[in-house]
Amino acid sequence: MLSSIKCVLVGDSAVGKTSLLVRFTSETFPEAYKPTVYENTGVDVFMDGIQISLGLWDTAGNDAFRSIRPLSYQQADVVLMCYSVANHNSFLNLKNKWIGEIRSNLPCT
């Protein structure tokens, strides 16, 4: 039986969410920054010999797209909060913004 896991990446704009996904799924690294609105991809991974279909959902960090982000949270198993080590405010926003949004959309977290 194939197990599936939905993982949603959230965080401020330009912290590297898309780059992380591209690197993980294709072993390449994007050369230029391209803002994401809403994208998802999938990859099969093996854990302890069990194949898992890993759905990866990339979200827009820009508040202009705040209204569509709740679509990404639906039935999420994992939320990966991302920040940039070069932008301390993006780290502070995990507590000030993202944790609240996650809990609002996934109350059991």
PDB file of N, CA and C in Angstrom:
ATOM      1  N   MET A   1       0.837  -1.181   0.000  1.00  0.00           N
ATOM      2  CA  MET A   1       0.000   0.000   0.000  1.00  0.00           C
ATOM      3  C   MET A   1       0.882   1.245   0.000  1.00  0.00           C
ATOM      4  N   LEU A   2       0.561   2.160  -0.888  1.00  0.00           N
ATOM      5  CA  LEU A   2       1.324   3.395  -1.008  1.00  0.00           C
ATOM      6  C   LEU A   2       0.803   4.416  -0.009  1.00  0.00           C
ATOM      7  N   SER A   3       1.675   4.869   0.859  1.00  0.00           N
ATOM      8  CA  SER A   3       1.310   5.916   1.810  1.00  0.00           C
ATOM      9  C   SER A   3       1.542   7.267   1.162  1.00  0.00           C
ATOM     10  N   SER A   4       0.788   8.258   1.592  1.00  0.00           N
ATOM     11  CA  SER A   4       1.004   9.603   1.067  1.00  0.00           C
ATOM     12  C   SER A   4       1.057  10.601   2.214  1.00  0.00           C
ATOM     13  N   ILE A   5       1.875  11.615   2.013  1.00  0.00           N
ATOM     14  CA  ILE A   5       2.052  12.684   2.993  1.00  0.00           C
ATOM     15  C   ILE A   5       2.009  14.003   2.240  1.00  0.00           C
ATOM     16  N   LYS A   6       1.247  14.942   2.769  1.00  0.00           N
ATOM     17  CA  LYS A   6       1.187  16.281   2.187  1.00  0.00           C
ATOM     18  C   LYS A   6       1.995  17.224   3.068  1.00  0.00           C
ATOM     19  N   CYS A   7       2.985  17.868   2.457  1.00  0.00           N
ATOM     20  CA  CYS A   7       3.864  18.807   3.155  1.00  0.00           C
ATOM     21  C   CYS A   7       3.716  20.190   2.527  1.00  0.00           C
ATOM     22  N   VAL A   8       3.388  21.174   3.346  1.00  0.00           N
ATOM     23  CA  VAL A   8       3.192  22.547   2.894  1.00  0.00           C
ATOM     24  C   VAL A   8       4.345  23.407   3.413  1.00  0.00           C
ATOM     25  N   LEU A   9       4.973  24.162   2.514  1.00  0.00           N
ATOM     26  CA  LEU A   9       6.045  25.075   2.909  1.00  0.00           C
ATOM     27  C   LEU A   9       5.489  26.484   3.021  1.00  0.00           C
ATOM     28  N   VAL A  10       5.728  27.127   4.162  1.00  0.00           N
ATOM     29  CA  VAL A  10       5.275  28.501   4.374  1.00  0.00           C
ATOM     30  C   VAL A  10       6.439  29.343   4.874  1.00  0.00           C
ATOM     31  N   GLY A  11       6.304  30.632   4.712  1.00  0.00           N
ATOM     32  CA  GLY A  11       7.313  31.576   5.164  1.00  0.00           C
ATOM     33  C   GLY A  11       7.250  32.832   4.322  1.00  0.00           C
ATOM     34  N   ASP A  12       7.985  33.838   4.746  1.00  0.00           N
ATOM     35  CA  ASP A  12       8.005  35.111   4.033  1.00  0.00           C
ATOM     36  C   ASP A  12       8.476  34.930   2.593  1.00  0.00           C
ATOM     37  N   SER A  13       8.204  35.936   1.779  1.00  0.00           N
ATOM     38  CA  SER A  13       8.663  35.936   0.390  1.00  0.00           C
ATOM     39  C   SER A  13      10.187  35.902   0.338  1.00  0.00           C
ATOM     40  N   ALA A  14      10.700  35.204  -0.640  1.00  0.00           N
ATOM     41  CA  ALA A  14      12.136  35.190  -0.958  1.00  0.00           C
ATOM     42  C   ALA A  14      13.014  34.582   0.129  1.00  0.00           C
ATOM     43  N   VAL A  15      12.466  33.646   0.921  1.00  0.00           N
ATOM     44  CA  VAL A  15      13.302  32.983   1.925  1.00  0.00           C
ATOM     45  C   VAL A  15      13.912  31.682   1.399  1.00  0.00           C
ATOM     46  N   GLY A  16      13.457  31.213   0.245  1.00  0.00           N
ATOM     47  CA  GLY A  16      14.044  30.015  -0.344  1.00  0.00           C
ATOM     48  C   GLY A  16      13.141  28.792  -0.378  1.00  0.00           C
ATOM     49  N   LYS A  17      11.841  28.978  -0.188  1.00  0.00           N
ATOM     50  CA  LYS A  17      10.915  27.834  -0.198  1.00  0.00           C
ATOM     51  C   LYS A  17      10.968  27.101  -1.536  1.00  0.00           C
ATOM     52  N   THR A  18      10.834  27.842  -2.614  1.00  0.00           N
ATOM     53  CA  THR A  18      10.851  27.237  -3.945  1.00  0.00           C
ATOM     54  C   THR A  18      12.209  26.621  -4.237  1.00  0.00           C
ATOM     55  N   SER A  19      13.272  27.303  -3.890  1.00  0.00           N
ATOM     56  CA  SER A  19      14.621  26.771  -4.119  1.00  0.00           C
ATOM     57  C   SER A  19      14.823  25.456  -3.384  1.00  0.00           C
ATOM     58  N   LEU A  20      14.318  25.368  -2.172  1.00  0.00           N
ATOM     59  CA  LEU A  20      14.410  24.137  -1.392  1.00  0.00           C
ATOM     60  C   LEU A  20      13.682  22.995  -2.098  1.00  0.00           C
ATOM     61  N   LEU A  21      12.487  23.267  -2.597  1.00  0.00           N
ATOM     62  CA  LEU A  21      11.723  22.233  -3.295  1.00  0.00           C
ATOM     63  C   LEU A  21      12.377  21.821  -4.605  1.00  0.00           C
ATOM     64  N   VAL A  22      12.855  22.796  -5.365  1.00  0.00           N
ATOM     65  CA  VAL A  22      13.518  22.477  -6.635  1.00  0.00           C
ATOM     66  C   VAL A  22      14.757  21.632  -6.378  1.00  0.00           C
ATOM     67  N   ARG A  23      15.530  22.000  -5.396  1.00  0.00           N
ATOM     68  CA  ARG A  23      16.745  21.242  -5.061  1.00  0.00           C
ATOM     69  C   ARG A  23      16.399  19.821  -4.624  1.00  0.00           C
ATOM     70  N   PHE A  24      15.360  19.669  -3.825  1.00  0.00           N
ATOM     71  CA  PHE A  24      14.963  18.353  -3.325  1.00  0.00           C
ATOM     72  C   PHE A  24      14.419  17.460  -4.434  1.00  0.00           C
ATOM     73  N   THR A  25      13.634  18.031  -5.342  1.00  0.00           N
ATOM     74  CA  THR A  25      12.968  17.210  -6.359  1.00  0.00           C
ATOM     75  C   THR A  25      13.795  16.994  -7.616  1.00  0.00           C
ATOM     76  N   SER A  26      14.695  17.914  -7.943  1.00  0.00           N
ATOM     77  CA  SER A  26      15.426  17.781  -9.210  1.00  0.00           C
ATOM     78  C   SER A  26      16.937  17.837  -9.059  1.00  0.00           C
ATOM     79  N   GLU A  27      17.414  18.055  -7.854  1.00  0.00           N
ATOM     80  CA  GLU A  27      18.847  18.152  -7.579  1.00  0.00           C
ATOM     81  C   GLU A  27      19.526  19.254  -8.386  1.00  0.00           C
ATOM     82  N   THR A  28      18.757  20.286  -8.708  1.00  0.00           N
ATOM     83  CA  THR A  28      19.308  21.490  -9.329  1.00  0.00           C
ATOM     84  C   THR A  28      18.983  22.653  -8.398  1.00  0.00           C
ATOM     85  N   PHE A  29      19.497  23.821  -8.732  1.00  0.00           N
ATOM     86  CA  PHE A  29      19.205  25.003  -7.919  1.00  0.00           C
ATOM     87  C   PHE A  29      18.829  26.142  -8.849  1.00  0.00           C
ATOM     88  N   PRO A  30      17.700  26.797  -8.613  1.00  0.00           N
ATOM     89  CA  PRO A  30      17.292  27.903  -9.491  1.00  0.00           C
ATOM     90  C   PRO A  30      18.337  29.014  -9.494  1.00  0.00           C
ATOM     91  N   GLU A  31      18.608  29.539 -10.673  1.00  0.00           N
ATOM     92  CA  GLU A  31      19.610  30.595 -10.782  1.00  0.00           C
ATOM     93  C   GLU A  31      19.048  31.978 -10.485  1.00  0.00           C
ATOM     94  N   ALA A  32      17.749  32.152 -10.689  1.00  0.00           N
ATOM     95  CA  ALA A  32      17.147  33.468 -10.477  1.00  0.00           C
ATOM     96  C   ALA A  32      15.910  33.339  -9.596  1.00  0.00           C
ATOM     97  N   TYR A  33      15.620  34.403  -8.866  1.00  0.00           N
ATOM     98  CA  TYR A  33      14.439  34.425  -8.009  1.00  0.00           C
ATOM     99  C   TYR A  33      13.199  34.632  -8.863  1.00  0.00           C
ATOM    100  N   LYS A  34      12.219  33.772  -8.668  1.00  0.00           N
ATOM    101  CA  LYS A  34      10.934  33.899  -9.350  1.00  0.00           C
ATOM    102  C   LYS A  34       9.852  33.706  -8.297  1.00  0.00           C
ATOM    103  N   PRO A  35       9.098  34.761  -7.975  1.00  0.00           N
ATOM    104  CA  PRO A  35       8.070  34.640  -6.931  1.00  0.00           C
ATOM    105  C   PRO A  35       7.038  33.568  -7.269  1.00  0.00           C
ATOM    106  N   THR A  36       6.622  32.842  -6.250  1.00  0.00           N
ATOM    107  CA  THR A  36       5.627  31.789  -6.407  1.00  0.00           C
ATOM    108  C   THR A  36       4.268  32.318  -5.986  1.00  0.00           C
ATOM    109  N   VAL A  37       3.244  31.924  -6.726  1.00  0.00           N
ATOM    110  CA  VAL A  37       1.885  32.228  -6.310  1.00  0.00           C
ATOM    111  C   VAL A  37       1.307  31.003  -5.623  1.00  0.00           C
ATOM    112  N   TYR A  38       1.367  29.872  -6.303  1.00  0.00           N
ATOM    113  CA  TYR A  38       0.767  28.648  -5.764  1.00  0.00           C
ATOM    114  C   TYR A  38       1.239  27.507  -6.649  1.00  0.00           C
ATOM    115  N   GLU A  39       2.014  26.602  -6.105  1.00  0.00           N
ATOM    116  CA  GLU A  39       2.492  25.466  -6.886  1.00  0.00           C
ATOM    117  C   GLU A  39       2.550  24.233  -6.011  1.00  0.00           C
ATOM    118  N   ASN A  40       2.368  23.103  -6.639  1.00  0.00           N
ATOM    119  CA  ASN A  40       2.586  21.855  -5.909  1.00  0.00           C
ATOM    120  C   ASN A  40       3.221  20.839  -6.836  1.00  0.00           C
ATOM    121  N   THR A  41       3.964  19.952  -6.229  1.00  0.00           N
ATOM    122  CA  THR A  41       4.642  18.891  -6.957  1.00  0.00           C
ATOM    123  C   THR A  41       4.684  17.675  -6.048  1.00  0.00           C
ATOM    124  N   GLY A  42       5.114  16.591  -6.590  1.00  0.00           N
ATOM    125  CA  GLY A  42       5.205  15.387  -5.778  1.00  0.00           C
ATOM    126  C   GLY A  42       6.441  14.590  -6.125  1.00  0.00           C
ATOM    127  N   VAL A  43       6.849  13.776  -5.187  1.00  0.00           N
ATOM    128  CA  VAL A  43       8.004  12.917  -5.383  1.00  0.00           C
ATOM    129  C   VAL A  43       7.794  11.673  -4.531  1.00  0.00           C
ATOM    130  N   ASP A  44       8.248  10.553  -5.030  1.00  0.00           N
ATOM    131  CA  ASP A  44       8.190   9.323  -4.244  1.00  0.00           C
ATOM    132  C   ASP A  44       9.497   9.166  -3.486  1.00  0.00           C
ATOM    133  N   VAL A  45       9.393   8.906  -2.206  1.00  0.00           N
ATOM    134  CA  VAL A  45      10.560   8.692  -1.352  1.00  0.00           C
ATOM    135  C   VAL A  45      10.382   7.369  -0.621  1.00  0.00           C
ATOM    136  N   PHE A  46      11.471   6.846  -0.117  1.00  0.00           N
ATOM    137  CA  PHE A  46      11.421   5.601   0.641  1.00  0.00           C
ATOM    138  C   PHE A  46      11.884   5.860   2.065  1.00  0.00           C
ATOM    139  N   MET A  47      11.114   5.365   3.014  1.00  0.00           N
ATOM    140  CA  MET A  47      11.467   5.485   4.419  1.00  0.00           C
ATOM    141  C   MET A  47      11.310   4.108   5.048  1.00  0.00           C
ATOM    142  N   ASP A  48      12.400   3.581   5.577  1.00  0.00           N
ATOM    143  CA  ASP A  48      12.393   2.236   6.161  1.00  0.00           C
ATOM    144  C   ASP A  48      11.853   1.203   5.180  1.00  0.00           C
ATOM    145  N   GLY A  49      12.207   1.378   3.902  1.00  0.00           N
ATOM    146  CA  GLY A  49      11.796   0.435   2.872  1.00  0.00           C
ATOM    147  C   GLY A  49      10.373   0.596   2.385  1.00  0.00           C
ATOM    148  N   ILE A  50       9.670   1.600   2.879  1.00  0.00           N
ATOM    149  CA  ILE A  50       8.281   1.834   2.484  1.00  0.00           C
ATOM    150  C   ILE A  50       8.230   3.035   1.542  1.00  0.00           C
ATOM    151  N   GLN A  51       7.571   2.843   0.396  1.00  0.00           N
ATOM    152  CA  GLN A  51       7.430   3.932  -0.559  1.00  0.00           C
ATOM    153  C   GLN A  51       6.353   4.902  -0.082  1.00  0.00           C
ATOM    154  N   ILE A  52       6.697   6.184  -0.111  1.00  0.00           N
ATOM    155  CA  ILE A  52       5.777   7.235   0.316  1.00  0.00           C
ATOM    156  C   ILE A  52       5.664   8.263  -0.801  1.00  0.00           C
ATOM    157  N   SER A  53       4.440   8.584  -1.151  1.00  0.00           N
ATOM    158  CA  SER A  53       4.186   9.652  -2.111  1.00  0.00           C
ATOM    159  C   SER A  53       4.149  10.966  -1.328  1.00  0.00           C
ATOM    160  N   LEU A  54       5.156  11.787  -1.538  1.00  0.00           N
ATOM    161  CA  LEU A  54       5.298  13.037  -0.796  1.00  0.00           C
ATOM    162  C   LEU A  54       4.810  14.194  -1.660  1.00  0.00           C
ATOM    163  N   GLY A  55       3.680  14.776  -1.276  1.00  0.00           N
ATOM    164  CA  GLY A  55       3.161  15.952  -1.966  1.00  0.00           C
ATOM    165  C   GLY A  55       3.766  17.197  -1.356  1.00  0.00           C
ATOM    166  N   LEU A  56       4.357  18.027  -2.187  1.00  0.00           N
ATOM    167  CA  LEU A  56       5.049  19.231  -1.729  1.00  0.00           C
ATOM    168  C   LEU A  56       4.312  20.456  -2.257  1.00  0.00           C
ATOM    169  N   TRP A  57       3.823  21.268  -1.341  1.00  0.00           N
ATOM    170  CA  TRP A  57       3.019  22.432  -1.696  1.00  0.00           C
ATOM    171  C   TRP A  57       3.792  23.703  -1.365  1.00  0.00           C
ATOM    172  N   ASP A  58       4.096  24.472  -2.390  1.00  0.00           N
ATOM    173  CA  ASP A  58       4.830  25.727  -2.260  1.00  0.00           C
ATOM    174  C   ASP A  58       3.812  26.864  -2.184  1.00  0.00           C
ATOM    175  N   THR A  59       3.958  27.728  -1.208  1.00  0.00           N
ATOM    176  CA  THR A  59       3.003  28.823  -1.037  1.00  0.00           C
ATOM    177  C   THR A  59       3.665  30.174  -1.267  1.00  0.00           C
ATOM    178  N   ALA A  60       2.847  31.166  -1.561  1.00  0.00           N
ATOM    179  CA  ALA A  60       3.329  32.536  -1.723  1.00  0.00           C
ATOM    180  C   ALA A  60       3.448  33.182  -0.354  1.00  0.00           C
ATOM    181  N   GLY A  61       4.600  33.756  -0.072  1.00  0.00           N
ATOM    182  CA  GLY A  61       4.789  34.431   1.201  1.00  0.00           C
ATOM    183  C   GLY A  61       4.225  35.840   1.214  1.00  0.00           C
ATOM    184  N   ASN A  62       3.975  36.384   0.037  1.00  0.00           N
ATOM    185  CA  ASN A  62       3.470  37.741  -0.091  1.00  0.00           C
ATOM    186  C   ASN A  62       2.032  37.820   0.417  1.00  0.00           C
ATOM    187  N   ASP A  63       1.738  38.826   1.217  1.00  0.00           N
ATOM    188  CA  ASP A  63       0.395  38.981   1.784  1.00  0.00           C
ATOM    189  C   ASP A  63      -0.680  39.230   0.733  1.00  0.00           C
ATOM    190  N   ALA A  64      -0.285  39.632  -0.461  1.00  0.00           N
ATOM    191  CA  ALA A  64      -1.267  39.824  -1.530  1.00  0.00           C
ATOM    192  C   ALA A  64      -1.968  38.509  -1.874  1.00  0.00           C
ATOM    193  N   PHE A  65      -1.330  37.385  -1.547  1.00  0.00           N
ATOM    194  CA  PHE A  65      -1.893  36.067  -1.854  1.00  0.00           C
ATOM    195  C   PHE A  65      -2.405  35.353  -0.606  1.00  0.00           C
ATOM    196  N   ARG A  66      -2.579  36.098   0.465  1.00  0.00           N
ATOM    197  CA  ARG A  66      -3.043  35.530   1.728  1.00  0.00           C
ATOM    198  C   ARG A  66      -4.376  34.792   1.569  1.00  0.00           C
ATOM    199  N   SER A  67      -5.238  35.273   0.699  1.00  0.00           N
ATOM    200  CA  SER A  67      -6.574  34.676   0.564  1.00  0.00           C
ATOM    201  C   SER A  67      -6.554  33.290  -0.071  1.00  0.00           C
ATOM    202  N   ILE A  68      -5.512  32.955  -0.841  1.00  0.00           N
ATOM    203  CA  ILE A  68      -5.479  31.619  -1.456  1.00  0.00           C
ATOM    204  C   ILE A  68      -4.635  30.617  -0.668  1.00  0.00           C
ATOM    205  N   ARG A  69      -3.850  31.080   0.292  1.00  0.00           N
ATOM    206  CA  ARG A  69      -3.023  30.147   1.067  1.00  0.00           C
ATOM    207  C   ARG A  69      -3.820  29.090   1.816  1.00  0.00           C
ATOM    208  N   PRO A  70      -5.022  29.408   2.346  1.00  0.00           N
ATOM    209  CA  PRO A  70      -5.781  28.363   3.053  1.00  0.00           C
ATOM    210  C   PRO A  70      -6.033  27.109   2.216  1.00  0.00           C
ATOM    211  N   LEU A  71      -6.082  27.242   0.904  1.00  0.00           N
ATOM    212  CA  LEU A  71      -6.255  26.069   0.040  1.00  0.00           C
ATOM    213  C   LEU A  71      -5.106  25.084   0.216  1.00  0.00           C
ATOM    214  N   SER A  72      -3.921  25.605   0.458  1.00  0.00           N
ATOM    215  CA  SER A  72      -2.741  24.749   0.618  1.00  0.00           C
ATOM    216  C   SER A  72      -2.773  23.947   1.906  1.00  0.00           C
ATOM    217  N   TYR A  73      -3.361  24.508   2.944  1.00  0.00           N
ATOM    218  CA  TYR A  73      -3.363  23.851   4.251  1.00  0.00           C
ATOM    219  C   TYR A  73      -4.315  22.664   4.341  1.00  0.00           C
ATOM    220  N   GLN A  74      -5.304  22.608   3.464  1.00  0.00           N
ATOM    221  CA  GLN A  74      -6.314  21.555   3.553  1.00  0.00           C
ATOM    222  C   GLN A  74      -5.671  20.172   3.527  1.00  0.00           C
ATOM    223  N   GLN A  75      -5.952  19.373   4.536  1.00  0.00           N
ATOM    224  CA  GLN A  75      -5.479  17.991   4.669  1.00  0.00           C
ATOM    225  C   GLN A  75      -3.953  17.870   4.717  1.00  0.00           C
ATOM    226  N   ALA A  76      -3.282  18.909   5.200  1.00  0.00           N
ATOM    227  CA  ALA A  76      -1.819  18.861   5.317  1.00  0.00           C
ATOM    228  C   ALA A  76      -1.415  17.969   6.485  1.00  0.00           C
ATOM    229  N   ASP A  77      -0.385  17.167   6.264  1.00  0.00           N
ATOM    230  CA  ASP A  77       0.184  16.327   7.314  1.00  0.00           C
ATOM    231  C   ASP A  77       1.371  17.003   7.987  1.00  0.00           C
ATOM    232  N   VAL A  78       2.083  17.820   7.212  1.00  0.00           N
ATOM    233  CA  VAL A  78       3.301  18.480   7.687  1.00  0.00           C
ATOM    234  C   VAL A  78       3.287  19.919   7.186  1.00  0.00           C
ATOM    235  N   VAL A  79       3.682  20.848   8.041  1.00  0.00           N
ATOM    236  CA  VAL A  79       3.903  22.227   7.617  1.00  0.00           C
ATOM    237  C   VAL A  79       5.350  22.555   7.949  1.00  0.00           C
ATOM    238  N   LEU A  80       6.095  22.915   6.933  1.00  0.00           N
ATOM    239  CA  LEU A  80       7.502  23.259   7.100  1.00  0.00           C
ATOM    240  C   LEU A  80       7.621  24.781   7.065  1.00  0.00           C
ATOM    241  N   MET A  81       7.975  25.370   8.204  1.00  0.00           N
ATOM    242  CA  MET A  81       8.126  26.822   8.279  1.00  0.00           C
ATOM    243  C   MET A  81       9.545  27.191   7.854  1.00  0.00           C
ATOM    244  N   CYS A  82       9.639  28.083   6.877  1.00  0.00           N
ATOM    245  CA  CYS A  82      10.933  28.445   6.298  1.00  0.00           C
ATOM    246  C   CYS A  82      11.261  29.910   6.592  1.00  0.00           C
ATOM    247  N   TYR A  83      12.545  30.161   6.787  1.00  0.00           N
ATOM    248  CA  TYR A  83      13.026  31.529   6.962  1.00  0.00           C
ATOM    249  C   TYR A  83      14.415  31.617   6.366  1.00  0.00           C
ATOM    250  N   SER A  84      14.878  32.836   6.178  1.00  0.00           N
ATOM    251  CA  SER A  84      16.210  33.069   5.629  1.00  0.00           C
ATOM    252  C   SER A  84      17.165  33.481   6.743  1.00  0.00           C
ATOM    253  N   VAL A  85      18.316  32.839   6.799  1.00  0.00           N
ATOM    254  CA  VAL A  85      19.318  33.227   7.799  1.00  0.00           C
ATOM    255  C   VAL A  85      19.868  34.622   7.504  1.00  0.00           C
ATOM    256  N   ALA A  86      19.647  35.110   6.290  1.00  0.00           N
ATOM    257  CA  ALA A  86      20.102  36.449   5.916  1.00  0.00           C
ATOM    258  C   ALA A  86      19.056  37.523   6.209  1.00  0.00           C
ATOM    259  N   ASN A  87      17.885  37.112   6.714  1.00  0.00           N
ATOM    260  CA  ASN A  87      16.803  38.060   6.986  1.00  0.00           C
ATOM    261  C   ASN A  87      16.181  37.721   8.340  1.00  0.00           C
ATOM    262  N   HIS A  88      16.663  38.387   9.383  1.00  0.00           N
ATOM    263  CA  HIS A  88      16.198  38.091  10.742  1.00  0.00           C
ATOM    264  C   HIS A  88      14.687  38.296  10.895  1.00  0.00           C
ATOM    265  N   ASN A  89      14.134  39.274  10.187  1.00  0.00           N
ATOM    266  CA  ASN A  89      12.687  39.504  10.268  1.00  0.00           C
ATOM    267  C   ASN A  89      11.893  38.296   9.784  1.00  0.00           C
ATOM    268  N   SER A  90      12.431  37.574   8.814  1.00  0.00           N
ATOM    269  CA  SER A  90      11.720  36.382   8.333  1.00  0.00           C
ATOM    270  C   SER A  90      11.668  35.314   9.425  1.00  0.00           C
ATOM    271  N   PHE A  91      12.673  35.290  10.285  1.00  0.00           N
ATOM    272  CA  PHE A  91      12.655  34.377  11.436  1.00  0.00           C
ATOM    273  C   PHE A  91      11.631  34.840  12.468  1.00  0.00           C
ATOM    274  N   LEU A  92      11.628  36.128  12.772  1.00  0.00           N
ATOM    275  CA  LEU A  92      10.669  36.670  13.741  1.00  0.00           C
ATOM    276  C   LEU A  92       9.230  36.472  13.274  1.00  0.00           C
ATOM    277  N   ASN A  93       9.017  36.540  11.969  1.00  0.00           N
ATOM    278  CA  ASN A  93       7.669  36.374  11.425  1.00  0.00           C
ATOM    279  C   ASN A  93       7.129  34.957  11.573  1.00  0.00           C
ATOM    280  N   LEU A  94       7.989  33.991  11.825  1.00  0.00           N
ATOM    281  CA  LEU A  94       7.480  32.642  12.091  1.00  0.00           C
ATOM    282  C   LEU A  94       6.551  32.692  13.297  1.00  0.00           C
ATOM    283  N   LYS A  95       6.989  33.392  14.333  1.00  0.00           N
ATOM    284  CA  LYS A  95       6.167  33.518  15.545  1.00  0.00           C
ATOM    285  C   LYS A  95       5.069  34.564  15.374  1.00  0.00           C
ATOM    286  N   ASN A  96       5.414  35.690  14.786  1.00  0.00           N
ATOM    287  CA  ASN A  96       4.486  36.818  14.713  1.00  0.00           C
ATOM    288  C   ASN A  96       3.382  36.650  13.676  1.00  0.00           C
ATOM    289  N   LYS A  97       3.601  35.803  12.686  1.00  0.00           N
ATOM    290  CA  LYS A  97       2.641  35.686  11.586  1.00  0.00           C
ATOM    291  C   LYS A  97       2.290  34.240  11.261  1.00  0.00           C
ATOM    292  N   TRP A  98       3.293  33.435  10.977  1.00  0.00           N
ATOM    293  CA  TRP A  98       3.047  32.121  10.377  1.00  0.00           C
ATOM    294  C   TRP A  98       2.443  31.109  11.341  1.00  0.00           C
ATOM    295  N   ILE A  99       2.884  31.083  12.576  1.00  0.00           N
ATOM    296  CA  ILE A  99       2.307  30.119  13.527  1.00  0.00           C
ATOM    297  C   ILE A  99       0.811  30.384  13.701  1.00  0.00           C
ATOM    298  N   GLY A 100       0.422  31.639  13.790  1.00  0.00           N
ATOM    299  CA  GLY A 100      -0.992  31.979  13.911  1.00  0.00           C
ATOM    300  C   GLY A 100      -1.796  31.554  12.699  1.00  0.00           C
ATOM    301  N   GLU A 101      -1.231  31.787  11.510  1.00  0.00           N
ATOM    302  CA  GLU A 101      -1.937  31.386  10.289  1.00  0.00           C
ATOM    303  C   GLU A 101      -2.080  29.868  10.211  1.00  0.00           C
ATOM    304  N   ILE A 102      -1.024  29.163  10.569  1.00  0.00           N
ATOM    305  CA  ILE A 102      -1.073  27.694  10.546  1.00  0.00           C
ATOM    306  C   ILE A 102      -2.136  27.193  11.514  1.00  0.00           C
ATOM    307  N   ARG A 103      -2.130  27.700  12.721  1.00  0.00           N
ATOM    308  CA  ARG A 103      -3.107  27.248  13.728  1.00  0.00           C
ATOM    309  C   ARG A 103      -4.533  27.623  13.342  1.00  0.00           C
ATOM    310  N   SER A 104      -4.690  28.723  12.662  1.00  0.00           N
ATOM    311  CA  SER A 104      -6.018  29.132  12.205  1.00  0.00           C
ATOM    312  C   SER A 104      -6.558  28.164  11.152  1.00  0.00           C
ATOM    313  N   ASN A 105      -5.670  27.679  10.294  1.00  0.00           N
ATOM    314  CA  ASN A 105      -6.080  26.781   9.211  1.00  0.00           C
ATOM    315  C   ASN A 105      -6.003  25.310   9.587  1.00  0.00           C
ATOM    316  N   LEU A 106      -5.157  24.985  10.559  1.00  0.00           N
ATOM    317  CA  LEU A 106      -5.006  23.608  11.044  1.00  0.00           C
ATOM    318  C   LEU A 106      -5.079  23.637  12.569  1.00  0.00           C
ATOM    319  N   PRO A 107      -6.262  23.734  13.133  1.00  0.00           N
ATOM    320  CA  PRO A 107      -6.413  23.916  14.582  1.00  0.00           C
ATOM    321  C   PRO A 107      -5.771  22.830  15.441  1.00  0.00           C
ATOM    322  N   CYS A 108      -5.544  21.665  14.906  1.00  0.00           N
ATOM    323  CA  CYS A 108      -4.971  20.568  15.708  1.00  0.00           C
ATOM    324  C   CYS A 108      -3.455  20.642  15.817  1.00  0.00           C
ATOM    325  N   THR A 109      -2.836  21.694  15.268  1.00  0.00           N
ATOM    326  CA  THR A 109      -1.373  21.797  15.335  1.00  0.00           C
ATOM    327  C   THR A 109      -0.939  22.524  16.584  1.00  0.00           C
TER     328      THR A 109
END
